[in-house]
Amino acid sequence: MRTVLIVVLALIVKAAAGQAPKPAPSADVDELLRAGIAASENGDNRTAIQDFRKVLALRPEMAEARAGLGSALAATGQFDAAIEEDLRALASAPDKNAVRMNLGLAYYKKGDLAHAREQLETVHLAAPRDLPAAILLATVYVQMGRDADAVDLLMPLEPQNESNTKLEYVLAFSLIQAGRDKEGVPRMEKFAKATHSANAYVIAGSSLLHRGEMTDARVDLNAAMQLDPSIPGLSTMVGQVQYALGDMKAATVAFQAALRQNPQDFDANVDLGAIHVKEHDYANARPLLELALTINPKSPLARIEMAKLDEATGRYAEAAVALEELVKAEPNWMNAHWELATAYMELNRPEEGKRERMIAQELRARQSKQEPEPK
């Protein structure tokens, strides 16, 4: 998940020196410029565009109006036109950093991350303490997969800006993405509490879930549920946490809610099917596991759960065939060898059963701790 919160940066540069051959009355130009700035500040960008264009018709050299036009065009989604105006303003603007910031933002909104990075790195080099520029550059790094660079950029700025929620969010997200969960999760939780952000709680909770810290994950995911239970995948994660903590009733409720929201949710189908197998509710388990295998036929977890179901319902031959294929694909998966040993024994193939059991025992001996089951 790499979606981040970006603030729209309203930047206006100072007017460049110089005059047109036949200057318009200064009062008229100034009035139009003020009107354009006011319209832009009030969010009326279409009016701002008209006013800035009127200024430029009278004073084409006025960089402030051209930069304002570029900003207003970007705000209305006209990114190519905004970039063109910003590039023209850059040639004569006395405050080139402000124009580069507008330009970088326009490139970013357009999805041209390479050019956005180029402009924003130039701004950051000239003004390394410029917080909006640093946050936006870090956001670009995150979207380019350069999470460690985002961390290196923002970490030195944090001590003086701990109350800046935008910085904390991007820093927390980049730390988590860079594999530094222990540093990132507390920051993400702090952001979530300060802003009541359900999405932030989901990011923190899912990170804790994947680290196996189920009790803490449950706290964050339940907080997200209270704020916005409609977030896709949230009910599934709540179910997975409850399942891991042994609360099958709560897990079942959560997985059922997930499937009402999205019947094609692979994880919810597999995990709810597995719960039904454990509870000997084979009739309800089978359609869930069959659908999961339709969605992802190569999933080792779905395949072993279906094999367990087949064994439980006396379909040992079908289970053995599936498990033979599974141990070839996952030769170091202890549980697959155990299940295959069970199927062989039930099929009166004791030598093969003993062989698989010995393999499983050897794998258990080699493992200092239980490894996560493959997905």
Protein backbone atom coordinates (compact mmCIF):
# COMPACT_ATOMS: atom_id res chain seq x y z
CA MET A 1 0.00 0.00 0.00
CA ARG A 2 1.85 3.37 -1.06
CA THR A 3 -0.88 6.04 -0.94
CA VAL A 4 0.13 9.11 1.14
CA LEU A 5 -1.43 12.38 2.19
CA ILE A 6 -0.10 15.34 0.12
CA VAL A 7 -0.83 18.97 0.91
CA VAL A 8 -1.46 21.26 -2.04
CA LEU A 9 1.26 23.86 -1.84
CA ALA A 10 0.16 27.38 -2.80
CA LEU A 11 3.31 29.22 -3.88
CA ILE A 12 3.53 32.65 -5.50
CA VAL A 13 6.81 34.17 -6.69
CA LYS A 14 7.84 37.82 -6.80
CA ALA A 15 7.51 39.76 -10.02
CA ALA A 16 10.50 39.90 -12.33
CA ALA A 17 12.00 43.21 -13.29
CA GLY A 18 11.42 44.66 -16.75
CA GLN A 19 8.62 46.28 -18.67
CA ALA A 20 6.71 45.55 -21.85
CA PRO A 21 7.18 47.98 -24.71
CA LYS A 22 3.74 49.51 -24.04
CA PRO A 23 3.00 48.94 -20.36
CA ALA A 24 -0.61 48.87 -19.22
CA PRO A 25 -1.61 51.09 -16.32
CA SER A 26 -0.03 49.66 -13.18
CA ALA A 27 -3.23 49.99 -11.17
CA ASP A 28 -5.14 47.79 -13.62
CA VAL A 29 -2.45 45.11 -13.65
CA ASP A 30 -2.09 45.14 -9.88
CA GLU A 31 -5.83 44.89 -9.41
CA LEU A 32 -6.07 41.90 -11.76
CA LEU A 33 -3.10 40.25 -10.07
CA ARG A 34 -4.64 40.72 -6.61
CA ALA A 35 -7.94 39.36 -7.89
CA GLY A 36 -6.20 36.28 -9.31
CA ILE A 37 -4.31 35.65 -6.07
CA ALA A 38 -7.49 36.05 -4.02
CA ALA A 39 -9.44 33.71 -6.27
CA SER A 40 -6.67 31.12 -6.04
CA GLU A 41 -6.52 31.37 -2.25
CA ASN A 42 -10.31 30.91 -2.09
CA GLY A 43 -10.13 27.81 -4.27
CA ASP A 44 -11.78 29.47 -7.27
CA ASN A 45 -9.06 28.39 -9.66
CA ARG A 46 -11.09 28.89 -12.83
CA THR A 47 -11.53 32.56 -12.02
CA ALA A 48 -7.85 32.74 -11.04
CA ILE A 49 -6.86 31.34 -14.41
CA GLN A 50 -8.89 34.02 -16.19
CA ASP A 51 -7.42 36.83 -14.06
CA PHE A 52 -3.82 35.67 -14.43
CA ARG A 53 -4.25 35.36 -18.18
CA LYS A 54 -5.58 38.91 -18.32
CA VAL A 55 -2.49 40.09 -16.45
CA LEU A 56 -0.20 38.23 -18.83
CA ALA A 57 -1.98 39.69 -21.85
CA LEU A 58 -0.94 43.09 -20.50
CA ARG A 59 2.40 42.12 -18.95
CA PRO A 60 3.70 38.87 -20.47
CA GLU A 61 6.97 39.21 -18.53
CA MET A 62 5.31 39.15 -15.11
CA ALA A 63 6.64 35.94 -13.54
CA GLU A 64 4.36 36.20 -10.52
CA ALA A 65 1.26 36.00 -12.69
CA ARG A 66 2.72 33.21 -14.80
CA ALA A 67 3.61 31.16 -11.73
CA GLY A 68 0.15 31.82 -10.30
CA LEU A 69 -1.37 30.66 -13.58
CA GLY A 70 0.70 27.49 -13.47
CA SER A 71 -0.45 26.77 -9.90
CA ALA A 72 -4.11 27.34 -10.77
CA LEU A 73 -3.87 25.17 -13.89
CA ALA A 74 -2.35 22.35 -11.85
CA ALA A 75 -5.14 22.68 -9.28
CA THR A 76 -7.71 22.09 -12.04
CA GLY A 77 -5.88 19.05 -13.42
CA GLN A 78 -4.37 20.78 -16.47
CA PHE A 79 -0.91 19.50 -15.68
CA ASP A 80 0.77 19.83 -19.08
CA ALA A 81 -0.37 23.45 -19.38
CA ALA A 82 0.75 24.12 -15.79
CA ILE A 83 4.19 22.67 -16.48
CA GLU A 84 4.53 24.83 -19.58
CA GLU A 85 3.69 27.98 -17.62
CA ASP A 86 6.00 27.04 -14.74
CA LEU A 87 8.90 26.43 -17.12
CA ARG A 88 8.36 29.85 -18.69
CA ALA A 89 8.14 31.47 -15.26
CA LEU A 90 11.33 29.73 -14.16
CA ALA A 91 13.35 31.58 -16.77
CA SER A 92 12.70 35.03 -15.23
CA ALA A 93 11.50 34.48 -11.67
CA PRO A 94 13.71 35.92 -8.93
CA ASP A 95 12.59 33.17 -6.51
CA LYS A 96 13.30 30.08 -8.58
CA ASN A 97 12.79 27.68 -5.67
CA ALA A 98 9.13 28.66 -5.37
CA VAL A 99 8.57 28.10 -9.09
CA ARG A 100 10.46 24.79 -8.97
CA MET A 101 8.21 23.73 -6.12
CA ASN A 102 5.13 24.47 -8.24
CA LEU A 103 6.74 22.65 -11.14
CA GLY A 104 7.65 19.63 -9.03
CA LEU A 105 4.11 19.46 -7.68
CA ALA A 106 2.64 19.62 -11.19
CA TYR A 107 4.94 16.82 -12.36
CA TYR A 108 3.99 14.79 -9.27
CA LYS A 109 0.26 15.22 -9.84
CA LYS A 110 0.73 14.26 -13.47
CA GLY A 111 2.47 11.06 -12.35
CA ASP A 112 5.83 12.02 -13.83
CA LEU A 113 7.87 11.03 -10.78
CA ALA A 114 11.27 11.28 -12.47
CA HIS A 115 10.85 14.96 -13.37
CA ALA A 116 9.16 15.71 -10.05
CA ARG A 117 12.16 14.22 -8.23
CA GLU A 118 14.57 16.28 -10.33
CA GLN A 119 12.87 19.59 -9.50
CA LEU A 120 12.30 18.80 -5.82
CA GLU A 121 15.87 17.61 -5.27
CA THR A 122 17.06 20.97 -6.65
CA VAL A 123 14.77 22.78 -4.19
CA HIS A 124 15.93 20.60 -1.31
CA LEU A 125 19.59 21.15 -2.15
CA ALA A 126 19.07 24.92 -2.09
CA ALA A 127 16.83 24.90 1.01
CA PRO A 128 17.38 21.70 3.03
CA ARG A 129 15.17 22.92 5.90
CA ASP A 130 12.19 23.64 3.63
CA LEU A 131 9.70 21.24 5.18
CA PRO A 132 6.96 21.14 2.49
CA ALA A 133 9.59 20.50 -0.18
CA ALA A 134 11.20 17.74 1.88
CA ILE A 135 7.87 16.04 2.60
CA LEU A 136 6.85 16.12 -1.05
CA LEU A 137 10.27 14.83 -2.16
CA ALA A 138 10.05 12.02 0.39
CA THR A 139 6.59 11.17 -0.95
CA VAL A 140 8.04 10.92 -4.45
CA TYR A 141 10.81 8.66 -3.13
CA VAL A 142 8.24 6.37 -1.48
CA GLN A 143 6.22 6.09 -4.69
CA MET A 144 9.42 5.28 -6.57
CA GLY A 145 10.21 2.50 -4.10
CA ARG A 146 13.10 4.44 -2.57
CA ASP A 147 11.84 4.13 1.00
CA ALA A 148 15.29 4.25 2.61
CA ASP A 149 16.01 7.55 0.83
CA ALA A 150 12.75 8.97 2.20
CA VAL A 151 13.77 7.95 5.71
CA ASP A 152 17.22 9.52 5.33
CA LEU A 153 15.62 12.72 4.08
CA LEU A 154 13.01 13.15 6.81
CA MET A 155 14.68 11.70 9.89
CA PRO A 156 16.97 14.73 10.48
CA LEU A 157 13.96 17.06 10.21
CA GLU A 158 11.81 15.22 12.75
CA PRO A 159 13.28 16.55 16.05
CA GLN A 160 12.25 20.12 15.23
CA ASN A 161 8.93 19.14 13.62
CA GLU A 162 7.45 16.32 15.69
CA SER A 163 4.07 18.06 15.72
CA ASN A 164 3.90 18.10 11.91
CA THR A 165 1.50 15.27 11.14
CA LYS A 166 2.33 15.20 7.43
CA LEU A 167 6.01 14.63 8.14
CA GLU A 168 5.21 11.99 10.76
CA TYR A 169 2.92 10.11 8.38
CA VAL A 170 5.36 9.98 5.47
CA LEU A 171 8.26 9.12 7.79
CA ALA A 172 6.27 6.39 9.53
CA PHE A 173 5.11 4.92 6.23
CA SER A 174 8.61 4.96 4.71
CA LEU A 175 10.10 3.34 7.82
CA ILE A 176 7.55 0.52 7.65
CA GLN A 177 8.11 0.05 3.92
CA ALA A 178 11.88 0.01 4.51
CA GLY A 179 11.49 -2.84 6.99
CA ARG A 180 12.04 -0.70 10.08
CA ASP A 181 8.66 -1.56 11.60
CA LYS A 182 9.73 -1.08 15.20
CA GLU A 183 10.43 2.58 14.45
CA GLY A 184 7.63 3.11 11.97
CA VAL A 185 4.66 1.52 13.73
CA PRO A 186 4.76 3.72 16.88
CA ARG A 187 4.93 6.81 14.68
CA MET A 188 2.02 5.57 12.57
CA GLU A 189 0.00 4.88 15.72
CA LYS A 190 0.82 8.37 17.00
CA PHE A 191 -0.40 9.84 13.71
CA ALA A 192 -3.55 7.70 13.84
CA LYS A 193 -4.41 8.88 17.35
CA ALA A 194 -3.73 12.53 16.52
CA THR A 195 -5.79 12.53 13.32
CA HIS A 196 -8.33 9.76 14.01
CA SER A 197 -7.22 8.11 10.77
CA ALA A 198 -8.67 4.65 10.19
CA ASN A 199 -6.23 4.07 7.33
CA ALA A 200 -3.26 4.80 9.58
CA TYR A 201 -4.52 2.31 12.15
CA VAL A 202 -4.85 -0.26 9.34
CA ILE A 203 -1.25 0.33 8.23
CA ALA A 204 0.03 -0.07 11.79
CA GLY A 205 -2.20 -3.05 12.53
CA SER A 206 -1.35 -4.90 9.32
CA SER A 207 2.36 -4.42 10.00
CA LEU A 208 1.94 -5.89 13.48
CA LEU A 209 -0.14 -8.73 12.04
CA HIS A 210 2.60 -9.70 9.60
CA ARG A 211 5.16 -9.56 12.42
CA GLY A 212 3.03 -11.95 14.46
CA GLU A 213 2.31 -9.42 17.22
CA MET A 214 -1.35 -10.33 17.31
CA THR A 215 -2.43 -8.72 20.57
CA ASP A 216 -1.12 -5.30 19.55
CA ALA A 217 -2.42 -5.79 16.00
CA ARG A 218 -5.91 -6.43 17.40
CA VAL A 219 -5.85 -3.09 19.25
CA ASP A 220 -5.01 -1.11 16.10
CA LEU A 221 -7.34 -3.02 13.80
CA ASN A 222 -10.24 -2.74 16.23
CA ALA A 223 -9.61 1.02 16.40
CA ALA A 224 -9.79 1.14 12.61
CA MET A 225 -13.04 -0.86 12.67
CA GLN A 226 -14.61 1.65 15.04
CA LEU A 227 -13.68 4.52 12.71
CA ASP A 228 -14.44 2.95 9.32
CA PRO A 229 -15.45 -0.73 9.07
CA SER A 230 -15.91 -0.42 5.29
CA ILE A 231 -12.16 -0.32 4.52
CA PRO A 232 -11.47 -3.17 2.06
CA GLY A 233 -9.64 -6.07 3.68
CA LEU A 234 -10.00 -4.76 7.22
CA SER A 235 -12.51 -7.40 8.36
CA THR A 236 -10.25 -10.09 6.94
CA MET A 237 -7.28 -8.86 8.96
CA VAL A 238 -9.41 -8.67 12.10
CA GLY A 239 -10.46 -12.27 11.45
CA GLN A 240 -6.87 -13.40 10.95
CA VAL A 241 -5.83 -11.82 14.25
CA GLN A 242 -8.73 -13.42 16.12
CA TYR A 243 -7.97 -16.77 14.45
CA ALA A 244 -4.33 -16.58 15.53
CA LEU A 245 -5.39 -15.70 19.08
CA GLY A 246 -7.69 -18.72 19.21
CA ASP A 247 -11.03 -16.88 19.22
CA MET A 248 -12.76 -18.88 16.50
CA LYS A 249 -16.17 -17.36 17.14
CA ALA A 250 -14.94 -13.79 16.69
CA ALA A 251 -12.82 -14.84 13.70
CA THR A 252 -15.84 -16.45 12.04
CA VAL A 253 -17.92 -13.30 12.49
CA ALA A 254 -15.13 -11.18 11.00
CA PHE A 255 -14.57 -13.47 8.00
CA GLN A 256 -18.30 -13.61 7.30
CA ALA A 257 -18.40 -9.80 7.30
CA ALA A 258 -15.43 -9.77 4.92
CA LEU A 259 -17.19 -12.13 2.52
CA ARG A 260 -20.37 -10.05 2.57
CA GLN A 261 -18.22 -7.12 1.53
CA ASN A 262 -16.24 -9.10 -1.06
CA PRO A 263 -17.24 -12.73 -1.81
CA GLN A 264 -14.01 -13.13 -3.80
CA ASP A 265 -11.77 -12.35 -0.81
CA PHE A 266 -9.22 -15.16 -1.06
CA ASP A 267 -7.89 -15.00 2.50
CA ALA A 268 -11.35 -14.86 4.06
CA ASN A 269 -12.46 -17.90 2.04
CA VAL A 270 -9.38 -19.94 2.98
CA ASP A 271 -9.35 -19.03 6.65
CA LEU A 272 -13.09 -19.42 7.19
CA GLY A 273 -12.92 -22.74 5.33
CA ALA A 274 -10.08 -23.82 7.64
CA ILE A 275 -12.16 -22.91 10.71
CA HIS A 276 -15.05 -25.01 9.41
CA VAL A 277 -12.68 -27.95 8.88
CA LYS A 278 -11.43 -27.64 12.46
CA GLU A 279 -15.03 -27.54 13.71
CA HIS A 280 -16.01 -30.55 11.53
CA ASP A 281 -18.43 -28.39 9.54
CA TYR A 282 -17.37 -29.99 6.28
CA ALA A 283 -20.42 -29.04 4.24
CA ASN A 284 -19.74 -25.33 4.71
CA ALA A 285 -15.97 -25.72 4.41
CA ARG A 286 -15.91 -27.23 0.93
CA PRO A 287 -17.50 -24.40 -1.14
CA LEU A 288 -15.24 -21.86 0.56
CA LEU A 289 -12.07 -23.81 -0.17
CA GLU A 290 -13.17 -24.62 -3.70
CA LEU A 291 -13.73 -20.94 -4.39
CA ALA A 292 -10.34 -20.09 -2.87
CA LEU A 293 -8.65 -22.59 -5.19
CA THR A 294 -10.53 -21.11 -8.13
CA ILE A 295 -9.18 -17.68 -7.20
CA ASN A 296 -5.63 -18.90 -6.55
CA PRO A 297 -5.12 -22.54 -7.58
CA LYS A 298 -1.41 -22.48 -6.70
CA SER A 299 -1.85 -21.35 -3.10
CA PRO A 300 -0.12 -23.90 -0.81
CA LEU A 301 -2.36 -22.93 2.11
CA ALA A 302 -5.59 -23.43 0.16
CA ARG A 303 -4.31 -26.74 -1.21
CA ILE A 304 -3.36 -28.16 2.18
CA GLU A 305 -6.66 -27.08 3.73
CA MET A 306 -8.54 -28.83 0.92
CA ALA A 307 -6.39 -31.92 1.46
CA LYS A 308 -7.26 -31.87 5.17
CA LEU A 309 -10.92 -31.63 4.24
CA ASP A 310 -10.59 -34.56 1.84
CA GLU A 311 -8.90 -36.63 4.53
CA ALA A 312 -11.60 -35.72 7.04
CA THR A 313 -14.30 -36.84 4.62
CA GLY A 314 -12.58 -40.07 3.57
CA ARG A 315 -11.22 -38.88 0.24
CA TYR A 316 -7.72 -40.11 0.95
CA ALA A 317 -6.75 -40.81 -2.64
CA GLU A 318 -7.63 -37.25 -3.71
CA ALA A 319 -5.77 -35.88 -0.69
CA ALA A 320 -2.67 -37.95 -1.45
CA VAL A 321 -2.50 -36.75 -5.07
CA ALA A 322 -2.82 -33.10 -4.01
CA LEU A 323 -0.27 -33.49 -1.21
CA GLU A 324 2.24 -35.27 -3.46
CA GLU A 325 2.15 -32.26 -5.77
CA LEU A 326 2.40 -29.94 -2.78
CA VAL A 327 5.52 -31.51 -1.26
CA LYS A 328 7.21 -31.33 -4.66
CA ALA A 329 6.46 -27.59 -4.78
CA GLU A 330 7.18 -27.03 -1.06
CA PRO A 331 9.71 -29.74 -0.09
CA ASN A 332 10.62 -28.08 3.22
CA TRP A 333 7.08 -27.62 4.46
CA MET A 334 6.78 -29.93 7.45
CA ASN A 335 2.99 -29.84 7.67
CA ALA A 336 2.57 -31.00 4.09
CA HIS A 337 4.72 -34.05 4.76
CA TRP A 338 2.72 -34.84 7.93
CA GLU A 339 -0.57 -34.67 6.05
CA LEU A 340 0.80 -36.82 3.23
CA ALA A 341 1.97 -39.39 5.79
CA THR A 342 -1.57 -39.51 7.20
CA ALA A 343 -3.08 -40.01 3.73
CA TYR A 344 -0.63 -42.82 2.91
CA MET A 345 -1.38 -44.62 6.18
CA GLU A 346 -5.11 -44.45 5.52
CA LEU A 347 -4.50 -45.83 2.01
CA ASN A 348 -2.60 -48.78 3.51
CA ARG A 349 0.74 -47.56 2.13
CA PRO A 350 2.74 -47.79 5.37
CA GLU A 351 6.25 -47.62 3.92
CA GLU A 352 5.50 -44.37 2.11
CA GLY A 353 3.73 -43.10 5.21
CA LYS A 354 6.78 -43.83 7.38
CA ARG A 355 9.03 -42.11 4.85
CA GLU A 356 6.96 -38.92 4.89
CA ARG A 357 6.75 -38.99 8.67
CA MET A 358 10.55 -39.27 8.92
CA ILE A 359 10.96 -36.33 6.54
CA ALA A 360 8.58 -34.28 8.67
CA GLN A 361 10.47 -35.18 11.85
CA GLU A 362 13.79 -34.22 10.26
CA LEU A 363 12.36 -30.89 9.17
CA ARG A 364 11.03 -30.24 12.66
CA ALA A 365 14.44 -31.02 14.15
CA ARG A 366 16.14 -28.57 11.80
CA GLN A 367 13.77 -25.76 12.57
CA SER A 368 14.66 -23.81 15.70
CA LYS A 369 11.26 -22.16 15.56
CA GLN A 370 8.09 -22.67 13.58
CA GLU A 371 8.21 -20.90 10.24
CA PRO A 372 5.14 -19.12 8.86
CA GLU A 373 3.02 -21.25 6.62
CA PRO A 374 3.42 -20.30 2.95
CA LYS A 375 0.56 -18.34 1.44
